[in-house]
Structure formats: structure tokens, C-alpha cells
């Protein structure tokens, strides 16, 4: 499935709102979004943001979200993220406009709330420690290593048949999206 910048922005804003201060450490935000995407994949067979996952030194990350936070959108991309979320202070992200929650399902919002309830009270460094405990994370030694959906599903105790079915559904969704987008 292609990355959904709108859903990623709305999910990030949902977590920032839960914090109640209008901003959050970008490292903490990226980890909370990863935990939510990971859990959505395990529960429903589809992540919230459809981002690509990587192991980096400080734990797993959502690749496009990481890039949007640290580098901004490229000129040929949508700027939905930047219209609603901006860099702030020392390595933080601030919500500057409410992106609404129209693309998030009620179940996705509840999952984001669960993730925040479990990890939201931790510092950014405590969350890094939790992320390093995930079985799919590998120490990239300063680089980055792709994390495959299949590995998360395998570590989540899905059977080979379940994994193939989920990956097949994701491939079918990607194909439909490409056809509808004219690609």
C-alpha cells in the first residue's frame, strides 16, 4: 500500500492532542506511530499509515514520517503534513493546525489511544529502550535496515498461511490503489 500522508498526519496530531501540550518530541512521536502501525498490522492485517519500516540506531521508524519530520516534504509531494505539523523547539513537532480525523477509523483512533496510554508517559529515551526490545529491530550500526511486514507478522505469531493471506491482501490493495490513481 502507498504511504498515506493524510492518515499519518492525522494519527500524529491525535497523539499530540493526547499529550495535551500541542507538541511532542519527534523521536517519541515517531516511536508511538510505529507502535500503532505495528499493532494495527498484527490486529487487522494493515498498518494505519502504510509507511515503510526501518531499524535505525534508536529503534524502528516509519520511513516517510521520519523524513517529513527531519527533512520536510519534497517539492513534488503533498504538503499536508507541513500545513498541520511543524518543527518546534529542540527536536519537537508542534501542531499548528488541526488536520481533523476524517481518514482515521474509530478503531484506529482507539488503537492510538491504547498506544498512548501504554507508552505516552515514558520519556523519549525510555521509548527508545522499549523499541529496542521489539524482536524485529536489528542494530543497524549507524545505517538502516528494512523491517519487512512479514517479519513483524512472524514475530507476532501469525502462521505462514496467515502471513501470506495478509501480504496478498496488502498487494491487492496496492494494485487497486495504483489502478484508481491511473498508474
N, C-alpha and C. Protein backbone atom coordinates (compact mmCIF):
# COMPACT_ATOMS: atom_id res chain seq x y z
N UNK A 1 0.84 -1.19 0.00
CA UNK A 1 0.00 0.00 0.00
C UNK A 1 0.88 1.23 0.00
N UNK A 2 0.45 2.28 -0.69
CA UNK A 2 1.25 3.50 -0.67
C UNK A 2 1.08 4.25 0.65
N UNK A 3 2.13 4.95 1.02
CA UNK A 3 2.11 5.77 2.23
C UNK A 3 0.95 6.76 2.16
N UNK A 4 0.24 6.89 3.27
CA UNK A 4 -0.90 7.81 3.34
C UNK A 4 -0.52 8.98 4.25
N UNK A 5 -0.06 10.07 3.63
CA UNK A 5 0.39 11.23 4.39
C UNK A 5 -0.72 11.85 5.22
N UNK A 6 -1.93 11.86 4.69
CA UNK A 6 -3.05 12.44 5.43
C UNK A 6 -3.31 11.65 6.70
N UNK A 7 -3.40 10.32 6.58
CA UNK A 7 -3.63 9.50 7.78
C UNK A 7 -2.47 9.60 8.75
N UNK A 8 -1.26 9.63 8.24
CA UNK A 8 -0.09 9.77 9.12
C UNK A 8 -0.15 11.09 9.88
N UNK A 9 -0.52 12.16 9.19
CA UNK A 9 -0.64 13.47 9.82
C UNK A 9 -1.74 13.46 10.88
N UNK A 10 -2.88 12.88 10.53
CA UNK A 10 -3.99 12.83 11.49
C UNK A 10 -3.65 11.96 12.70
N UNK A 11 -2.95 10.84 12.47
CA UNK A 11 -2.54 9.99 13.59
C UNK A 11 -1.54 10.72 14.48
N UNK A 12 -0.58 11.41 13.88
CA UNK A 12 0.39 12.17 14.67
C UNK A 12 -0.31 13.27 15.47
N UNK A 13 -1.22 13.98 14.84
CA UNK A 13 -1.96 15.04 15.54
C UNK A 13 -2.79 14.46 16.68
N UNK A 14 -3.37 13.29 16.47
CA UNK A 14 -4.17 12.64 17.52
C UNK A 14 -3.29 12.39 18.75
N UNK A 15 -2.08 11.89 18.53
CA UNK A 15 -1.16 11.63 19.64
C UNK A 15 -0.70 12.93 20.31
N UNK A 16 -0.43 13.94 19.52
CA UNK A 16 -0.03 15.23 20.08
C UNK A 16 -1.15 15.81 20.93
N UNK A 17 -2.39 15.70 20.44
CA UNK A 17 -3.55 16.18 21.23
C UNK A 17 -3.65 15.42 22.54
N UNK A 18 -3.41 14.12 22.50
CA UNK A 18 -3.49 13.32 23.73
C UNK A 18 -2.47 13.79 24.76
N UNK A 19 -1.33 14.25 24.29
CA UNK A 19 -0.30 14.74 25.21
C UNK A 19 -0.77 16.01 25.90
N UNK A 20 -1.56 16.82 25.18
CA UNK A 20 -2.18 17.99 25.80
C UNK A 20 -1.35 19.25 25.82
N UNK A 21 -0.20 19.27 25.18
CA UNK A 21 0.63 20.47 25.19
C UNK A 21 0.81 21.08 23.80
N UNK A 22 0.26 20.43 22.79
CA UNK A 22 0.35 20.95 21.44
C UNK A 22 1.63 20.60 20.70
N UNK A 23 2.55 19.91 21.37
CA UNK A 23 3.80 19.50 20.74
C UNK A 23 4.31 18.22 21.42
N UNK A 24 5.30 17.59 20.76
CA UNK A 24 5.87 16.36 21.29
C UNK A 24 7.25 16.16 20.69
N UNK A 25 8.12 15.52 21.42
CA UNK A 25 9.42 15.13 20.89
C UNK A 25 9.21 14.32 19.62
N UNK A 26 9.94 14.66 18.56
CA UNK A 26 9.70 13.93 17.32
C UNK A 26 10.13 12.47 17.44
N UNK A 27 11.14 12.17 18.25
CA UNK A 27 11.54 10.78 18.42
C UNK A 27 10.42 9.98 19.10
N UNK A 28 9.82 10.58 20.12
CA UNK A 28 8.71 9.92 20.81
C UNK A 28 7.52 9.75 19.86
N UNK A 29 7.22 10.77 19.08
CA UNK A 29 6.10 10.71 18.15
C UNK A 29 6.31 9.61 17.11
N UNK A 30 7.49 9.53 16.54
CA UNK A 30 7.78 8.51 15.53
C UNK A 30 7.66 7.11 16.14
N UNK A 31 8.14 6.93 17.36
CA UNK A 31 8.05 5.61 18.01
C UNK A 31 6.59 5.26 18.31
N UNK A 32 5.81 6.21 18.82
CA UNK A 32 4.40 5.94 19.10
C UNK A 32 3.66 5.56 17.82
N UNK A 33 3.94 6.25 16.73
CA UNK A 33 3.32 5.92 15.45
C UNK A 33 3.76 4.54 14.97
N UNK A 34 5.03 4.21 15.19
CA UNK A 34 5.50 2.87 14.81
C UNK A 34 4.75 1.80 15.62
N UNK A 35 4.66 2.00 16.94
CA UNK A 35 3.96 1.02 17.79
C UNK A 35 2.51 0.85 17.31
N UNK A 36 1.87 1.95 16.95
CA UNK A 36 0.47 1.88 16.48
C UNK A 36 0.38 1.15 15.14
N UNK A 37 1.26 1.49 14.19
CA UNK A 37 1.25 0.81 12.89
C UNK A 37 1.53 -0.68 13.05
N UNK A 38 2.48 -1.01 13.89
CA UNK A 38 2.84 -2.41 14.15
C UNK A 38 1.64 -3.17 14.70
N UNK A 39 0.99 -2.59 15.69
CA UNK A 39 -0.16 -3.26 16.31
C UNK A 39 -1.33 -3.37 15.33
N UNK A 40 -1.55 -2.35 14.52
CA UNK A 40 -2.61 -2.41 13.51
C UNK A 40 -2.33 -3.54 12.51
N UNK A 41 -1.08 -3.68 12.10
CA UNK A 41 -0.70 -4.76 11.19
C UNK A 41 -0.99 -6.11 11.83
N UNK A 42 -0.65 -6.27 13.09
CA UNK A 42 -0.89 -7.54 13.77
C UNK A 42 -2.37 -7.82 14.00
N UNK A 43 -3.13 -6.80 14.33
CA UNK A 43 -4.57 -6.98 14.62
C UNK A 43 -5.41 -7.12 13.37
N UNK A 44 -5.17 -6.24 12.40
CA UNK A 44 -6.08 -6.11 11.27
C UNK A 44 -5.46 -6.46 9.92
N UNK A 45 -4.16 -6.73 9.93
CA UNK A 45 -3.51 -7.05 8.67
C UNK A 45 -3.18 -5.86 7.81
N UNK A 46 -3.27 -4.66 8.38
CA UNK A 46 -2.98 -3.44 7.63
C UNK A 46 -2.55 -2.34 8.60
N UNK A 47 -1.41 -1.70 8.35
CA UNK A 47 -0.99 -0.59 9.21
C UNK A 47 -1.84 0.65 8.97
N UNK A 48 -1.77 1.58 9.87
CA UNK A 48 -2.55 2.82 9.76
C UNK A 48 -1.99 3.70 8.63
N UNK A 49 -0.69 3.92 8.63
CA UNK A 49 -0.09 4.88 7.70
C UNK A 49 0.39 4.27 6.39
N UNK A 50 0.57 2.95 6.36
CA UNK A 50 1.13 2.24 5.20
C UNK A 50 2.55 2.72 4.88
N UNK A 51 3.26 3.16 5.89
CA UNK A 51 4.63 3.60 5.72
C UNK A 51 5.56 2.39 5.63
N UNK A 52 6.79 2.63 5.23
CA UNK A 52 7.83 1.62 5.20
C UNK A 52 8.58 1.69 6.52
N UNK A 53 8.89 0.52 7.08
CA UNK A 53 9.55 0.45 8.39
C UNK A 53 11.04 0.17 8.21
N UNK A 54 11.84 0.81 9.09
CA UNK A 54 13.29 0.57 9.12
C UNK A 54 13.77 0.49 10.56
N UNK A 55 14.81 -0.33 10.76
CA UNK A 55 15.57 -0.31 12.01
C UNK A 55 16.63 0.78 11.87
N UNK A 56 16.66 1.67 12.84
CA UNK A 56 17.71 2.67 12.91
C UNK A 56 18.31 2.59 14.31
N UNK A 57 19.36 3.33 14.56
CA UNK A 57 20.07 3.22 15.83
C UNK A 57 19.15 3.37 17.05
N UNK A 58 18.21 4.25 16.97
CA UNK A 58 17.33 4.50 18.12
C UNK A 58 16.01 3.73 18.02
N UNK A 59 16.01 2.64 17.27
CA UNK A 59 14.84 1.78 17.19
C UNK A 59 14.16 1.88 15.85
N UNK A 60 13.03 1.16 15.71
CA UNK A 60 12.29 1.18 14.46
C UNK A 60 11.68 2.55 14.19
N UNK A 61 11.58 2.88 12.90
CA UNK A 61 10.96 4.14 12.49
C UNK A 61 10.04 3.90 11.30
N UNK A 62 9.12 4.83 11.11
CA UNK A 62 8.34 4.92 9.89
C UNK A 62 9.14 5.81 8.96
N UNK A 63 9.55 5.29 7.84
CA UNK A 63 10.49 5.97 6.96
C UNK A 63 10.02 7.34 6.48
N UNK A 64 8.83 7.40 5.86
CA UNK A 64 8.35 8.69 5.33
C UNK A 64 8.06 9.67 6.46
N UNK A 65 7.46 9.18 7.55
CA UNK A 65 7.20 10.07 8.69
C UNK A 65 8.53 10.64 9.20
N UNK A 66 9.53 9.78 9.33
CA UNK A 66 10.85 10.24 9.77
C UNK A 66 11.37 11.33 8.84
N UNK A 67 11.25 11.10 7.54
CA UNK A 67 11.73 12.09 6.57
C UNK A 67 10.93 13.39 6.66
N UNK A 68 9.61 13.29 6.80
CA UNK A 68 8.79 14.50 6.91
C UNK A 68 9.17 15.32 8.14
N UNK A 69 9.46 14.63 9.23
CA UNK A 69 9.82 15.31 10.48
C UNK A 69 11.20 15.93 10.38
N UNK A 70 12.15 15.20 9.81
CA UNK A 70 13.54 15.67 9.83
C UNK A 70 13.95 16.46 8.60
N UNK A 71 13.27 16.24 7.46
CA UNK A 71 13.68 16.90 6.22
C UNK A 71 12.58 17.72 5.56
N UNK A 72 11.33 17.45 5.90
CA UNK A 72 10.21 18.10 5.24
C UNK A 72 9.84 17.37 3.96
N UNK A 73 8.76 17.80 3.34
CA UNK A 73 8.28 17.18 2.11
C UNK A 73 9.14 17.64 0.94
N UNK A 74 9.28 16.78 -0.05
CA UNK A 74 9.98 17.18 -1.27
C UNK A 74 9.03 18.02 -2.11
N UNK A 75 9.54 18.81 -3.05
CA UNK A 75 8.69 19.71 -3.84
C UNK A 75 7.56 19.02 -4.59
N UNK A 76 7.76 17.76 -5.02
CA UNK A 76 6.72 17.07 -5.79
C UNK A 76 5.70 16.36 -4.92
N UNK A 77 5.83 16.43 -3.60
CA UNK A 77 4.90 15.76 -2.70
C UNK A 77 3.84 16.70 -2.18
N UNK A 78 2.81 16.09 -1.62
CA UNK A 78 1.80 16.85 -0.89
C UNK A 78 2.46 17.52 0.30
N UNK A 79 1.89 18.59 0.75
CA UNK A 79 2.44 19.28 1.92
C UNK A 79 1.45 19.26 3.07
N UNK A 80 0.59 18.24 3.09
CA UNK A 80 -0.44 18.14 4.13
C UNK A 80 0.20 18.12 5.51
N UNK A 81 1.26 17.33 5.67
CA UNK A 81 1.96 17.25 6.96
C UNK A 81 2.41 18.65 7.39
N UNK A 82 3.12 19.34 6.51
CA UNK A 82 3.69 20.64 6.86
C UNK A 82 2.64 21.72 7.10
N UNK A 83 1.45 21.56 6.53
CA UNK A 83 0.37 22.52 6.78
C UNK A 83 -0.17 22.38 8.20
N UNK A 84 0.06 21.24 8.82
CA UNK A 84 -0.52 20.95 10.14
C UNK A 84 0.50 20.72 11.24
N UNK A 85 1.68 20.22 10.88
CA UNK A 85 2.71 19.89 11.85
C UNK A 85 4.02 20.53 11.43
N UNK A 86 4.67 21.20 12.38
CA UNK A 86 5.90 21.92 12.07
C UNK A 86 6.98 21.60 13.11
N UNK A 87 8.26 21.72 12.71
CA UNK A 87 9.33 21.59 13.70
C UNK A 87 9.15 22.66 14.78
N UNK A 88 9.54 22.31 16.00
CA UNK A 88 9.34 23.23 17.12
C UNK A 88 10.41 22.98 18.16
N UNK A 89 11.00 24.05 18.66
CA UNK A 89 11.96 23.92 19.75
C UNK A 89 13.09 22.96 19.44
N UNK A 90 13.49 22.22 20.45
CA UNK A 90 14.63 21.31 20.36
C UNK A 90 14.15 19.90 20.02
N UNK A 91 14.11 19.57 18.73
CA UNK A 91 13.73 18.23 18.26
C UNK A 91 12.30 17.86 18.62
N UNK A 92 11.39 18.79 18.39
CA UNK A 92 9.98 18.55 18.68
C UNK A 92 9.13 18.88 17.45
N UNK A 93 7.89 18.39 17.49
CA UNK A 93 6.90 18.65 16.45
C UNK A 93 5.72 19.32 17.11
N UNK A 94 5.25 20.41 16.49
CA UNK A 94 4.12 21.15 17.03
C UNK A 94 2.96 21.11 16.03
N UNK A 95 1.76 20.95 16.55
CA UNK A 95 0.58 21.02 15.70
C UNK A 95 0.23 22.49 15.53
N UNK A 96 0.25 22.98 14.29
CA UNK A 96 -0.05 24.38 14.01
C UNK A 96 -1.46 24.57 13.46
N UNK A 97 -2.06 23.47 13.00
CA UNK A 97 -3.45 23.49 12.52
C UNK A 97 -4.00 22.08 12.69
N UNK A 98 -5.25 21.98 13.05
CA UNK A 98 -5.87 20.69 13.27
C UNK A 98 -6.19 20.04 11.93
N UNK A 99 -5.62 18.85 11.64
CA UNK A 99 -5.90 18.18 10.37
C UNK A 99 -7.20 17.39 10.36
N UNK A 100 -7.98 17.46 11.43
CA UNK A 100 -9.19 16.68 11.66
C UNK A 100 -8.80 15.20 11.79
N UNK A 101 -9.79 14.34 11.79
CA UNK A 101 -9.51 12.92 11.91
C UNK A 101 -10.31 12.12 10.89
N UNK A 102 -10.70 12.76 9.81
CA UNK A 102 -11.61 12.18 8.84
C UNK A 102 -11.16 10.90 8.17
N UNK A 103 -9.87 10.67 8.07
CA UNK A 103 -9.39 9.44 7.42
C UNK A 103 -9.16 8.31 8.42
N UNK A 104 -9.12 8.64 9.70
CA UNK A 104 -8.91 7.61 10.72
C UNK A 104 -10.24 6.96 11.09
N UNK A 105 -10.24 5.65 11.19
CA UNK A 105 -11.43 4.96 11.66
C UNK A 105 -11.51 5.08 13.18
N UNK A 106 -12.67 4.79 13.72
CA UNK A 106 -12.83 4.81 15.18
C UNK A 106 -11.89 3.79 15.82
N UNK A 107 -11.74 2.62 15.20
CA UNK A 107 -10.84 1.58 15.73
C UNK A 107 -9.39 2.06 15.72
N UNK A 108 -8.98 2.79 14.66
CA UNK A 108 -7.61 3.32 14.61
C UNK A 108 -7.39 4.36 15.69
N UNK A 109 -8.37 5.21 15.92
CA UNK A 109 -8.25 6.20 17.00
C UNK A 109 -8.15 5.51 18.36
N UNK A 110 -8.95 4.47 18.56
CA UNK A 110 -8.88 3.72 19.82
C UNK A 110 -7.51 3.06 19.99
N UNK A 111 -6.95 2.54 18.90
CA UNK A 111 -5.63 1.94 18.96
C UNK A 111 -4.57 2.99 19.30
N UNK A 112 -4.66 4.16 18.69
CA UNK A 112 -3.73 5.24 19.02
C UNK A 112 -3.85 5.61 20.50
N UNK A 113 -5.08 5.64 21.01
CA UNK A 113 -5.28 5.92 22.44
C UNK A 113 -4.65 4.84 23.31
N UNK A 114 -4.78 3.57 22.91
CA UNK A 114 -4.16 2.47 23.66
C UNK A 114 -2.65 2.61 23.69
N UNK A 115 -2.07 2.91 22.53
CA UNK A 115 -0.61 3.07 22.44
C UNK A 115 -0.17 4.23 23.33
N UNK A 116 -0.92 5.33 23.28
CA UNK A 116 -0.55 6.48 24.11
C UNK A 116 -0.69 6.13 25.60
N UNK A 117 -1.75 5.42 25.96
CA UNK A 117 -1.94 5.03 27.36
C UNK A 117 -0.79 4.14 27.84
N UNK A 118 -0.28 3.31 26.96
CA UNK A 118 0.80 2.39 27.35
C UNK A 118 2.17 3.06 27.37
N UNK A 119 2.45 3.90 26.38
CA UNK A 119 3.80 4.44 26.22
C UNK A 119 3.90 5.96 26.36
N UNK A 120 2.78 6.67 26.36
CA UNK A 120 2.80 8.12 26.33
C UNK A 120 3.42 8.78 27.54
N UNK A 121 3.44 8.08 28.67
CA UNK A 121 4.04 8.66 29.88
C UNK A 121 5.55 8.45 29.95
N UNK A 122 6.10 7.70 29.01
CA UNK A 122 7.54 7.44 29.00
C UNK A 122 8.28 8.60 28.35
N UNK A 123 9.52 8.81 28.77
CA UNK A 123 10.37 9.80 28.11
C UNK A 123 10.78 9.28 26.74
N UNK A 124 11.32 10.15 25.92
CA UNK A 124 11.76 9.71 24.59
C UNK A 124 12.81 8.61 24.69
N UNK A 125 13.67 8.66 25.70
CA UNK A 125 14.72 7.66 25.83
C UNK A 125 14.17 6.34 26.38
N UNK A 126 13.17 6.41 27.23
CA UNK A 126 12.52 5.19 27.70
C UNK A 126 11.78 4.50 26.55
N UNK A 127 11.20 5.29 25.66
CA UNK A 127 10.52 4.71 24.50
C UNK A 127 11.54 4.06 23.56
N UNK A 128 12.70 4.66 23.41
CA UNK A 128 13.77 4.04 22.61
C UNK A 128 14.13 2.68 23.21
N UNK A 129 14.26 2.63 24.53
CA UNK A 129 14.56 1.36 25.19
C UNK A 129 13.48 0.32 24.90
N UNK A 130 12.21 0.72 24.94
CA UNK A 130 11.10 -0.20 24.62
C UNK A 130 11.17 -0.65 23.17
N UNK A 131 11.49 0.26 22.28
CA UNK A 131 11.57 -0.07 20.85
C UNK A 131 12.70 -1.06 20.58
N UNK A 132 13.79 -0.93 21.31
CA UNK A 132 14.92 -1.85 21.13
C UNK A 132 14.56 -3.28 21.58
N UNK A 133 13.52 -3.43 22.35
CA UNK A 133 13.09 -4.77 22.81
C UNK A 133 12.25 -5.51 21.77
N UNK A 134 11.79 -4.80 20.74
CA UNK A 134 10.96 -5.44 19.73
C UNK A 134 11.79 -6.44 18.94
N UNK A 135 11.25 -7.63 18.69
CA UNK A 135 12.06 -8.68 18.05
C UNK A 135 12.47 -8.37 16.61
N UNK A 136 11.74 -7.51 15.92
CA UNK A 136 12.09 -7.20 14.54
C UNK A 136 13.20 -6.16 14.42
N UNK A 137 13.52 -5.47 15.53
CA UNK A 137 14.56 -4.45 15.47
C UNK A 137 15.93 -5.11 15.43
N UNK A 138 16.77 -4.65 14.51
CA UNK A 138 18.17 -5.08 14.43
C UNK A 138 19.04 -3.84 14.54
N UNK A 139 20.15 -3.95 15.24
CA UNK A 139 21.07 -2.82 15.36
C UNK A 139 21.71 -2.57 14.00
N UNK A 140 21.44 -1.40 13.39
CA UNK A 140 21.95 -1.15 12.04
C UNK A 140 23.38 -0.60 12.01
N UNK A 141 23.99 -0.44 13.18
CA UNK A 141 25.37 0.05 13.25
C UNK A 141 25.56 1.37 12.50
N UNK A 142 24.64 2.30 12.74
CA UNK A 142 24.74 3.62 12.12
C UNK A 142 24.02 3.75 10.80
N UNK A 143 23.54 2.68 10.25
CA UNK A 143 22.81 2.73 8.99
C UNK A 143 21.32 2.55 9.23
N UNK A 144 20.69 1.84 8.30
CA UNK A 144 19.29 1.48 8.48
C UNK A 144 19.04 0.17 7.76
N UNK A 145 18.17 -0.64 8.37
CA UNK A 145 17.85 -1.96 7.85
C UNK A 145 16.34 -2.03 7.67
N UNK A 146 15.86 -2.45 6.49
CA UNK A 146 14.41 -2.57 6.30
C UNK A 146 13.81 -3.58 7.27
N UNK A 147 12.62 -3.27 7.75
CA UNK A 147 11.82 -4.20 8.54
C UNK A 147 10.65 -4.60 7.66
N UNK A 148 10.56 -5.87 7.36
CA UNK A 148 9.50 -6.36 6.48
C UNK A 148 8.23 -6.64 7.28
N UNK A 149 7.10 -6.36 6.67
CA UNK A 149 5.82 -6.68 7.31
C UNK A 149 5.78 -8.16 7.70
N UNK A 150 6.31 -9.02 6.83
CA UNK A 150 6.29 -10.46 7.10
C UNK A 150 7.03 -10.80 8.39
N UNK A 151 8.12 -10.09 8.68
CA UNK A 151 8.87 -10.35 9.91
C UNK A 151 8.04 -9.97 11.14
N UNK A 152 7.37 -8.83 11.07
CA UNK A 152 6.53 -8.42 12.19
C UNK A 152 5.42 -9.44 12.41
N UNK A 153 4.81 -9.89 11.33
CA UNK A 153 3.74 -10.87 11.43
C UNK A 153 4.26 -12.20 11.99
N UNK A 154 5.45 -12.60 11.56
CA UNK A 154 6.05 -13.84 12.07
C UNK A 154 6.34 -13.72 13.56
N UNK A 155 6.95 -12.61 13.96
CA UNK A 155 7.24 -12.39 15.39
C UNK A 155 5.95 -12.24 16.19
N UNK A 156 4.88 -11.82 15.53
CA UNK A 156 3.57 -11.71 16.17
C UNK A 156 2.81 -13.02 16.19
N UNK A 157 3.53 -14.10 15.85
CA UNK A 157 2.99 -15.46 15.94
C UNK A 157 1.88 -15.76 14.93
N UNK A 158 1.92 -15.10 13.79
CA UNK A 158 1.00 -15.44 12.72
C UNK A 158 1.55 -16.66 11.98
N UNK A 159 0.66 -17.53 11.53
CA UNK A 159 1.07 -18.73 10.80
C UNK A 159 1.55 -18.33 9.40
N UNK A 160 2.33 -19.20 8.73
CA UNK A 160 2.73 -18.89 7.35
C UNK A 160 1.54 -18.62 6.43
N UNK A 161 0.44 -19.33 6.63
CA UNK A 161 -0.76 -19.13 5.82
C UNK A 161 -1.38 -17.76 6.10
N UNK A 162 -1.43 -17.37 7.37
CA UNK A 162 -1.96 -16.05 7.72
C UNK A 162 -1.09 -14.95 7.14
N UNK A 163 0.21 -15.12 7.24
CA UNK A 163 1.15 -14.13 6.71
C UNK A 163 0.95 -13.96 5.21
N UNK A 164 0.88 -15.08 4.48
CA UNK A 164 0.70 -15.00 3.03
C UNK A 164 -0.63 -14.35 2.68
N UNK A 165 -1.68 -14.67 3.44
CA UNK A 165 -3.00 -14.06 3.18
C UNK A 165 -2.96 -12.55 3.42
N UNK A 166 -2.36 -12.13 4.50
CA UNK A 166 -2.26 -10.70 4.81
C UNK A 166 -1.45 -9.98 3.76
N UNK A 167 -0.30 -10.55 3.39
CA UNK A 167 0.54 -9.91 2.38
C UNK A 167 -0.17 -9.87 1.03
N UNK A 168 -0.92 -10.92 0.72
CA UNK A 168 -1.71 -10.94 -0.52
C UNK A 168 -2.76 -9.84 -0.53
N UNK A 169 -3.44 -9.66 0.61
CA UNK A 169 -4.43 -8.59 0.72
C UNK A 169 -3.78 -7.22 0.55
N UNK A 170 -2.60 -7.04 1.15
CA UNK A 170 -1.90 -5.76 1.02
C UNK A 170 -1.47 -5.51 -0.42
N UNK A 171 -1.00 -6.55 -1.10
CA UNK A 171 -0.62 -6.40 -2.52
C UNK A 171 -1.85 -6.06 -3.37
N UNK A 172 -2.96 -6.70 -3.08
CA UNK A 172 -4.20 -6.42 -3.83
C UNK A 172 -4.64 -4.98 -3.60
N UNK A 173 -4.56 -4.51 -2.36
CA UNK A 173 -4.92 -3.12 -2.05
C UNK A 173 -4.01 -2.15 -2.79
N UNK A 174 -2.73 -2.48 -2.85
CA UNK A 174 -1.78 -1.61 -3.57
C UNK A 174 -2.12 -1.58 -5.06
N UNK A 175 -2.46 -2.73 -5.63
CA UNK A 175 -2.82 -2.79 -7.04
C UNK A 175 -4.06 -1.94 -7.32
N UNK A 176 -5.09 -2.09 -6.48
CA UNK A 176 -6.32 -1.31 -6.66
C UNK A 176 -6.00 0.18 -6.57
N UNK A 177 -5.19 0.57 -5.60
CA UNK A 177 -4.83 1.98 -5.45
C UNK A 177 -4.13 2.50 -6.71
N UNK A 178 -3.20 1.71 -7.24
CA UNK A 178 -2.49 2.13 -8.47
C UNK A 178 -3.45 2.27 -9.64
N UNK A 179 -4.37 1.33 -9.78
CA UNK A 179 -5.34 1.39 -10.88
C UNK A 179 -6.22 2.63 -10.74
N UNK A 180 -6.72 2.86 -9.53
CA UNK A 180 -7.58 4.03 -9.31
C UNK A 180 -6.84 5.34 -9.47
N UNK A 181 -5.52 5.32 -9.16
CA UNK A 181 -4.71 6.54 -9.30
C UNK A 181 -4.24 6.73 -10.73
N UNK A 182 -4.57 5.78 -11.61
CA UNK A 182 -4.18 5.92 -13.01
C UNK A 182 -2.78 5.45 -13.30
N UNK A 183 -2.19 4.70 -12.37
CA UNK A 183 -0.81 4.23 -12.56
C UNK A 183 -0.80 2.85 -12.97
